[in-house]
Amino acid sequence: MRTSVAIATFFCLWFITLFVVLPFFPHTQEEAGEIVPGTPESAPDKINLVKLFCVNTVVALVSFVGVYTVIANI
């Protein structure tokens, strides 16, 4: 696999896994106990993007290793 294809594959997997990992970390305003007027209670309160991106990168890296292994052994 060429380097450019590997990088493109990793970034595609990274964005795909972002949508898988994203729902696991936010806490709602109802859970925080502070509801901003005009928003629903289920709206996210604060999202720790650094933690989210780190977990997402690890999951994407594991997925990439699997995809690379399959492609390299074909």
PDB file of N, CA and C in Angstrom:
ATOM      1  N   MET A   1       0.851  -1.170   0.000  1.00  0.00           N
ATOM      2  CA  MET A   1       0.000   0.000   0.000  1.00  0.00           C
ATOM      3  C   MET A   1       0.898   1.235   0.000  1.00  0.00           C
ATOM      4  N   ARG A   2       0.648   2.145  -0.921  1.00  0.00           N
ATOM      5  CA  ARG A   2       1.420   3.381  -0.980  1.00  0.00           C
ATOM      6  C   ARG A   2       1.114   4.242   0.242  1.00  0.00           C
ATOM      7  N   THR A   3       2.058   5.089   0.589  1.00  0.00           N
ATOM      8  CA  THR A   3       1.917   5.942   1.768  1.00  0.00           C
ATOM      9  C   THR A   3       0.720   6.871   1.645  1.00  0.00           C
ATOM     10  N   SER A   4       0.517   7.448   0.474  1.00  0.00           N
ATOM     11  CA  SER A   4      -0.606   8.377   0.292  1.00  0.00           C
ATOM     12  C   SER A   4      -1.948   7.656   0.452  1.00  0.00           C
ATOM     13  N   VAL A   5      -2.031   6.432  -0.039  1.00  0.00           N
ATOM     14  CA  VAL A   5      -3.258   5.650   0.111  1.00  0.00           C
ATOM     15  C   VAL A   5      -3.465   5.266   1.570  1.00  0.00           C
ATOM     16  N   ALA A   6      -2.393   4.939   2.268  1.00  0.00           N
ATOM     17  CA  ALA A   6      -2.492   4.585   3.682  1.00  0.00           C
ATOM     18  C   ALA A   6      -2.973   5.783   4.506  1.00  0.00           C
ATOM     19  N   ILE A   7      -2.433   6.967   4.224  1.00  0.00           N
ATOM     20  CA  ILE A   7      -2.853   8.174   4.955  1.00  0.00           C
ATOM     21  C   ILE A   7      -4.318   8.492   4.665  1.00  0.00           C
ATOM     22  N   ALA A   8      -4.713   8.411   3.401  1.00  0.00           N
ATOM     23  CA  ALA A   8      -6.105   8.673   3.037  1.00  0.00           C
ATOM     24  C   ALA A   8      -7.041   7.664   3.688  1.00  0.00           C
ATOM     25  N   THR A   9      -6.639   6.410   3.735  1.00  0.00           N
ATOM     26  CA  THR A   9      -7.448   5.369   4.373  1.00  0.00           C
ATOM     27  C   THR A   9      -7.586   5.631   5.869  1.00  0.00           C
ATOM     28  N   PHE A  10      -6.488   6.022   6.506  1.00  0.00           N
ATOM     29  CA  PHE A  10      -6.539   6.312   7.937  1.00  0.00           C
ATOM     30  C   PHE A  10      -7.492   7.469   8.229  1.00  0.00           C
ATOM     31  N   PHE A  11      -7.402   8.551   7.438  1.00  0.00           N
ATOM     32  CA  PHE A  11      -8.282   9.690   7.692  1.00  0.00           C
ATOM     33  C   PHE A  11      -9.745   9.358   7.425  1.00  0.00           C
ATOM     34  N   CYS A  12     -10.009   8.538   6.426  1.00  0.00           N
ATOM     35  CA  CYS A  12     -11.394   8.101   6.191  1.00  0.00           C
ATOM     36  C   CYS A  12     -11.900   7.281   7.371  1.00  0.00           C
ATOM     37  N   LEU A  13     -11.082   6.349   7.846  1.00  0.00           N
ATOM     38  CA  LEU A  13     -11.467   5.560   9.014  1.00  0.00           C
ATOM     39  C   LEU A  13     -11.618   6.432  10.246  1.00  0.00           C
ATOM     40  N   TRP A  14     -10.778   7.469  10.376  1.00  0.00           N
ATOM     41  CA  TRP A  14     -10.858   8.365  11.533  1.00  0.00           C
ATOM     42  C   TRP A  14     -12.201   9.084  11.558  1.00  0.00           C
ATOM     43  N   PHE A  15     -12.643   9.601  10.421  1.00  0.00           N
ATOM     44  CA  PHE A  15     -13.922  10.304  10.381  1.00  0.00           C
ATOM     45  C   PHE A  15     -15.095   9.348  10.556  1.00  0.00           C
ATOM     46  N   ILE A  16     -14.997   8.146  10.037  1.00  0.00           N
ATOM     47  CA  ILE A  16     -16.067   7.173  10.226  1.00  0.00           C
ATOM     48  C   ILE A  16     -16.180   6.795  11.702  1.00  0.00           C
ATOM     49  N   THR A  17     -15.044   6.546  12.352  1.00  0.00           N
ATOM     50  CA  THR A  17     -15.090   6.171  13.768  1.00  0.00           C
ATOM     51  C   THR A  17     -15.489   7.343  14.654  1.00  0.00           C
ATOM     52  N   LEU A  18     -15.302   8.578  14.182  1.00  0.00           N
ATOM     53  CA  LEU A  18     -15.748   9.736  14.959  1.00  0.00           C
ATOM     54  C   LEU A  18     -17.248   9.668  15.204  1.00  0.00           C
ATOM     55  N   PHE A  19     -18.005   9.278  14.202  1.00  0.00           N
ATOM     56  CA  PHE A  19     -19.454   9.178  14.367  1.00  0.00           C
ATOM     57  C   PHE A  19     -19.854   7.996  15.245  1.00  0.00           C
ATOM     58  N   VAL A  20     -18.981   7.020  15.374  1.00  0.00           N
ATOM     59  CA  VAL A  20     -19.251   5.880  16.257  1.00  0.00           C
ATOM     60  C   VAL A  20     -18.918   6.241  17.698  1.00  0.00           C
ATOM     61  N   VAL A  21     -17.826   6.966  17.924  1.00  0.00           N
ATOM     62  CA  VAL A  21     -17.347   7.283  19.272  1.00  0.00           C
ATOM     63  C   VAL A  21     -18.083   8.483  19.869  1.00  0.00           C
ATOM     64  N   LEU A  22     -18.545   9.395  19.047  1.00  0.00           N
ATOM     65  CA  LEU A  22     -19.138  10.651  19.507  1.00  0.00           C
ATOM     66  C   LEU A  22     -20.269  10.488  20.521  1.00  0.00           C
ATOM     67  N   PRO A  23     -21.190   9.552  20.378  1.00  0.00           N
ATOM     68  CA  PRO A  23     -22.297   9.472  21.347  1.00  0.00           C
ATOM     69  C   PRO A  23     -21.914   8.924  22.727  1.00  0.00           C
ATOM     70  N   PHE A  24     -20.703   8.445  22.921  1.00  0.00           N
ATOM     71  CA  PHE A  24     -20.354   7.812  24.185  1.00  0.00           C
ATOM     72  C   PHE A  24     -19.950   8.780  25.288  1.00  0.00           C
ATOM     73  N   PHE A  25     -19.556  10.012  24.968  1.00  0.00           N
ATOM     74  CA  PHE A  25     -18.952  10.874  25.970  1.00  0.00           C
ATOM     75  C   PHE A  25     -19.751  12.083  26.436  1.00  0.00           C
ATOM     76  N   PRO A  26     -20.691  12.632  25.687  1.00  0.00           N
ATOM     77  CA  PRO A  26     -21.322  13.862  26.169  1.00  0.00           C
ATOM     78  C   PRO A  26     -22.269  13.615  27.340  1.00  0.00           C
ATOM     79  N   HIS A  27     -22.336  14.594  28.220  1.00  0.00           N
ATOM     80  CA  HIS A  27     -23.287  14.577  29.324  1.00  0.00           C
ATOM     81  C   HIS A  27     -24.352  15.615  29.018  1.00  0.00           C
ATOM     82  N   THR A  28     -25.591  15.289  29.300  1.00  0.00           N
ATOM     83  CA  THR A  28     -26.667  16.214  28.978  1.00  0.00           C
ATOM     84  C   THR A  28     -26.748  17.330  30.013  1.00  0.00           C
ATOM     85  N   GLN A  29     -27.450  18.380  29.639  1.00  0.00           N
ATOM     86  CA  GLN A  29     -27.653  19.492  30.565  1.00  0.00           C
ATOM     87  C   GLN A  29     -28.480  19.043  31.762  1.00  0.00           C
ATOM     88  N   GLU A  30     -29.373  18.099  31.553  1.00  0.00           N
ATOM     89  CA  GLU A  30     -30.195  17.580  32.648  1.00  0.00           C
ATOM     90  C   GLU A  30     -29.309  16.872  33.676  1.00  0.00           C
ATOM     91  N   GLU A  31     -28.329  16.093  33.210  1.00  0.00           N
ATOM     92  CA  GLU A  31     -27.409  15.415  34.123  1.00  0.00           C
ATOM     93  C   GLU A  31     -26.534  16.409  34.872  1.00  0.00           C
ATOM     94  N   ALA A  32     -26.166  17.515  34.212  1.00  0.00           N
ATOM     95  CA  ALA A  32     -25.318  18.526  34.841  1.00  0.00           C
ATOM     96  C   ALA A  32     -26.114  19.390  35.818  1.00  0.00           C
ATOM     97  N   GLY A  33     -27.421  19.438  35.636  1.00  0.00           N
ATOM     98  CA  GLY A  33     -28.254  20.224  36.534  1.00  0.00           C
ATOM     99  C   GLY A  33     -28.373  21.687  36.154  1.00  0.00           C
ATOM    100  N   GLU A  34     -27.812  22.078  35.025  1.00  0.00           N
ATOM    101  CA  GLU A  34     -27.886  23.466  34.560  1.00  0.00           C
ATOM    102  C   GLU A  34     -28.449  23.475  33.144  1.00  0.00           C
ATOM    103  N   ILE A  35     -29.723  23.813  33.023  1.00  0.00           N
ATOM    104  CA  ILE A  35     -30.374  23.837  31.723  1.00  0.00           C
ATOM    105  C   ILE A  35     -30.415  25.281  31.235  1.00  0.00           C
ATOM    106  N   VAL A  36     -29.832  25.524  30.071  1.00  0.00           N
ATOM    107  CA  VAL A  36     -29.814  26.861  29.477  1.00  0.00           C
ATOM    108  C   VAL A  36     -31.206  27.135  28.915  1.00  0.00           C
ATOM    109  N   PRO A  37     -31.799  28.266  29.242  1.00  0.00           N
ATOM    110  CA  PRO A  37     -33.134  28.575  28.713  1.00  0.00           C
ATOM    111  C   PRO A  37     -33.147  28.566  27.181  1.00  0.00           C
ATOM    112  N   GLY A  38     -34.174  27.939  26.634  1.00  0.00           N
ATOM    113  CA  GLY A  38     -34.318  27.865  25.184  1.00  0.00           C
ATOM    114  C   GLY A  38     -33.713  26.624  24.565  1.00  0.00           C
ATOM    115  N   THR A  39     -33.107  25.766  25.388  1.00  0.00           N
ATOM    116  CA  THR A  39     -32.534  24.527  24.864  1.00  0.00           C
ATOM    117  C   THR A  39     -33.220  23.334  25.539  1.00  0.00           C
ATOM    118  N   PRO A  40     -33.251  22.181  24.866  1.00  0.00           N
ATOM    119  CA  PRO A  40     -33.843  21.005  25.498  1.00  0.00           C
ATOM    120  C   PRO A  40     -32.920  20.431  26.581  1.00  0.00           C
ATOM    121  N   GLU A  41     -33.505  19.687  27.504  1.00  0.00           N
ATOM    122  CA  GLU A  41     -32.704  19.081  28.577  1.00  0.00           C
ATOM    123  C   GLU A  41     -31.699  18.078  28.038  1.00  0.00           C
ATOM    124  N   SER A  42     -31.965  17.519  26.865  1.00  0.00           N
ATOM    125  CA  SER A  42     -31.083  16.496  26.307  1.00  0.00           C
ATOM    126  C   SER A  42     -29.905  17.079  25.534  1.00  0.00           C
ATOM    127  N   ALA A  43     -29.796  18.396  25.464  1.00  0.00           N
ATOM    128  CA  ALA A  43     -28.669  19.026  24.775  1.00  0.00           C
ATOM    129  C   ALA A  43     -27.385  18.766  25.548  1.00  0.00           C
ATOM    130  N   PRO A  44     -26.259  18.565  24.852  1.00  0.00           N
ATOM    131  CA  PRO A  44     -25.010  18.299  25.561  1.00  0.00           C
ATOM    132  C   PRO A  44     -24.566  19.496  26.386  1.00  0.00           C
ATOM    133  N   ASP A  45     -23.997  19.211  27.561  1.00  0.00           N
ATOM    134  CA  ASP A  45     -23.526  20.272  28.452  1.00  0.00           C
ATOM    135  C   ASP A  45     -22.126  20.710  28.060  1.00  0.00           C
ATOM    136  N   LYS A  46     -21.165  19.841  28.229  1.00  0.00           N
ATOM    137  CA  LYS A  46     -19.783  20.119  27.849  1.00  0.00           C
ATOM    138  C   LYS A  46     -19.204  18.843  27.254  1.00  0.00           C
ATOM    139  N   ILE A  47     -18.486  18.998  26.163  1.00  0.00           N
ATOM    140  CA  ILE A  47     -17.860  17.852  25.523  1.00  0.00           C
ATOM    141  C   ILE A  47     -16.351  18.041  25.612  1.00  0.00           C
ATOM    142  N   ASN A  48     -15.658  17.049  26.142  1.00  0.00           N
ATOM    143  CA  ASN A  48     -14.207  17.088  26.230  1.00  0.00           C
ATOM    144  C   ASN A  48     -13.641  16.598  24.896  1.00  0.00           C
ATOM    145  N   LEU A  49     -13.338  17.552  24.012  1.00  0.00           N
ATOM    146  CA  LEU A  49     -12.895  17.195  22.663  1.00  0.00           C
ATOM    147  C   LEU A  49     -11.538  16.505  22.645  1.00  0.00           C
ATOM    148  N   VAL A  50     -10.666  16.854  23.567  1.00  0.00           N
ATOM    149  CA  VAL A  50      -9.343  16.223  23.595  1.00  0.00           C
ATOM    150  C   VAL A  50      -9.495  14.729  23.895  1.00  0.00           C
ATOM    151  N   LYS A  51     -10.286  14.399  24.886  1.00  0.00           N
ATOM    152  CA  LYS A  51     -10.524  12.991  25.233  1.00  0.00           C
ATOM    153  C   LYS A  51     -11.221  12.275  24.082  1.00  0.00           C
ATOM    154  N   LEU A  52     -12.209  12.925  23.485  1.00  0.00           N
ATOM    155  CA  LEU A  52     -12.941  12.341  22.372  1.00  0.00           C
ATOM    156  C   LEU A  52     -12.023  12.050  21.194  1.00  0.00           C
ATOM    157  N   PHE A  53     -11.175  13.012  20.827  1.00  0.00           N
ATOM    158  CA  PHE A  53     -10.272  12.820  19.696  1.00  0.00           C
ATOM    159  C   PHE A  53      -9.201  11.773  19.991  1.00  0.00           C
ATOM    160  N   CYS A  54      -8.724  11.699  21.229  1.00  0.00           N
ATOM    161  CA  CYS A  54      -7.726  10.678  21.588  1.00  0.00           C
ATOM    162  C   CYS A  54      -8.313   9.279  21.496  1.00  0.00           C
ATOM    163  N   VAL A  55      -9.496   9.091  22.051  1.00  0.00           N
ATOM    164  CA  VAL A  55     -10.154   7.781  21.984  1.00  0.00           C
ATOM    165  C   VAL A  55     -10.462   7.439  20.527  1.00  0.00           C
ATOM    166  N   ASN A  56     -10.928   8.418  19.780  1.00  0.00           N
ATOM    167  CA  ASN A  56     -11.241   8.198  18.373  1.00  0.00           C
ATOM    168  C   ASN A  56     -10.004   7.802  17.582  1.00  0.00           C
ATOM    169  N   THR A  57      -8.882   8.432  17.858  1.00  0.00           N
ATOM    170  CA  THR A  57      -7.647   8.108  17.155  1.00  0.00           C
ATOM    171  C   THR A  57      -7.197   6.685  17.462  1.00  0.00           C
ATOM    172  N   VAL A  58      -7.319   6.263  18.705  1.00  0.00           N
ATOM    173  CA  VAL A  58      -6.937   4.893  19.072  1.00  0.00           C
ATOM    174  C   VAL A  58      -7.836   3.882  18.362  1.00  0.00           C
ATOM    175  N   VAL A  59      -9.139   4.142  18.356  1.00  0.00           N
ATOM    176  CA  VAL A  59     -10.074   3.223  17.692  1.00  0.00           C
ATOM    177  C   VAL A  59      -9.801   3.189  16.189  1.00  0.00           C
ATOM    178  N   ALA A  60      -9.540   4.350  15.598  1.00  0.00           N
ATOM    179  CA  ALA A  60      -9.238   4.405  14.164  1.00  0.00           C
ATOM    180  C   ALA A  60      -7.926   3.704  13.847  1.00  0.00           C
ATOM    181  N   LEU A  61      -6.950   3.833  14.739  1.00  0.00           N
ATOM    182  CA  LEU A  61      -5.663   3.170  14.525  1.00  0.00           C
ATOM    183  C   LEU A  61      -5.810   1.650  14.565  1.00  0.00           C
ATOM    184  N   VAL A  62      -6.597   1.153  15.502  1.00  0.00           N
ATOM    185  CA  VAL A  62      -6.841  -0.293  15.577  1.00  0.00           C
ATOM    186  C   VAL A  62      -7.561  -0.761  14.317  1.00  0.00           C
ATOM    187  N   SER A  63      -8.547   0.008  13.869  1.00  0.00           N
ATOM    188  CA  SER A  63      -9.265  -0.337  12.637  1.00  0.00           C
ATOM    189  C   SER A  63      -8.335  -0.307  11.435  1.00  0.00           C
ATOM    190  N   PHE A  64      -7.461   0.699  11.392  1.00  0.00           N
ATOM    191  CA  PHE A  64      -6.525   0.814  10.270  1.00  0.00           C
ATOM    192  C   PHE A  64      -5.560  -0.361  10.228  1.00  0.00           C
ATOM    193  N   VAL A  65      -5.079  -0.779  11.379  1.00  0.00           N
ATOM    194  CA  VAL A  65      -4.173  -1.940  11.418  1.00  0.00           C
ATOM    195  C   VAL A  65      -4.879  -3.167  10.849  1.00  0.00           C
ATOM    196  N   GLY A  66      -6.155  -3.352  11.192  1.00  0.00           N
ATOM    197  CA  GLY A  66      -6.912  -4.471  10.641  1.00  0.00           C
ATOM    198  C   GLY A  66      -7.076  -4.374   9.135  1.00  0.00           C
ATOM    199  N   VAL A  67      -7.436  -3.194   8.652  1.00  0.00           N
ATOM    200  CA  VAL A  67      -7.617  -2.993   7.206  1.00  0.00           C
ATOM    201  C   VAL A  67      -6.284  -3.161   6.487  1.00  0.00           C
ATOM    202  N   TYR A  68      -5.217  -2.604   7.034  1.00  0.00           N
ATOM    203  CA  TYR A  68      -3.901  -2.727   6.403  1.00  0.00           C
ATOM    204  C   TYR A  68      -3.446  -4.176   6.342  1.00  0.00           C
ATOM    205  N   THR A  69      -3.698  -4.926   7.407  1.00  0.00           N
ATOM    206  CA  THR A  69      -3.321  -6.344   7.444  1.00  0.00           C
ATOM    207  C   THR A  69      -4.055  -7.127   6.368  1.00  0.00           C
ATOM    208  N   VAL A  70      -5.330  -6.858   6.216  1.00  0.00           N
ATOM    209  CA  VAL A  70      -6.113  -7.555   5.191  1.00  0.00           C
ATOM    210  C   VAL A  70      -5.613  -7.196   3.793  1.00  0.00           C
ATOM    211  N   ILE A  71      -5.378  -5.909   3.566  1.00  0.00           N
ATOM    212  CA  ILE A  71      -4.924  -5.488   2.232  1.00  0.00           C
ATOM    213  C   ILE A  71      -3.522  -5.992   1.924  1.00  0.00           C
ATOM    214  N   ALA A  72      -2.637  -5.984   2.912  1.00  0.00           N
ATOM    215  CA  ALA A  72      -1.265  -6.421   2.685  1.00  0.00           C
ATOM    216  C   ALA A  72      -1.167  -7.921   2.423  1.00  0.00           C
ATOM    217  N   ASN A  73      -2.112  -8.692   2.919  1.00  0.00           N
ATOM    218  CA  ASN A  73      -2.061 -10.152   2.757  1.00  0.00           C
ATOM    219  C   ASN A  73      -2.843 -10.652   1.560  1.00  0.00           C
ATOM    220  N   ILE A  74      -3.382  -9.743   0.765  1.00  0.00           N
ATOM    221  CA  ILE A  74      -4.143 -10.180  -0.422  1.00  0.00           C
ATOM    222  C   ILE A  74      -3.188 -10.485  -1.541  1.00  0.00           C
TER     223      ILE A  74
END
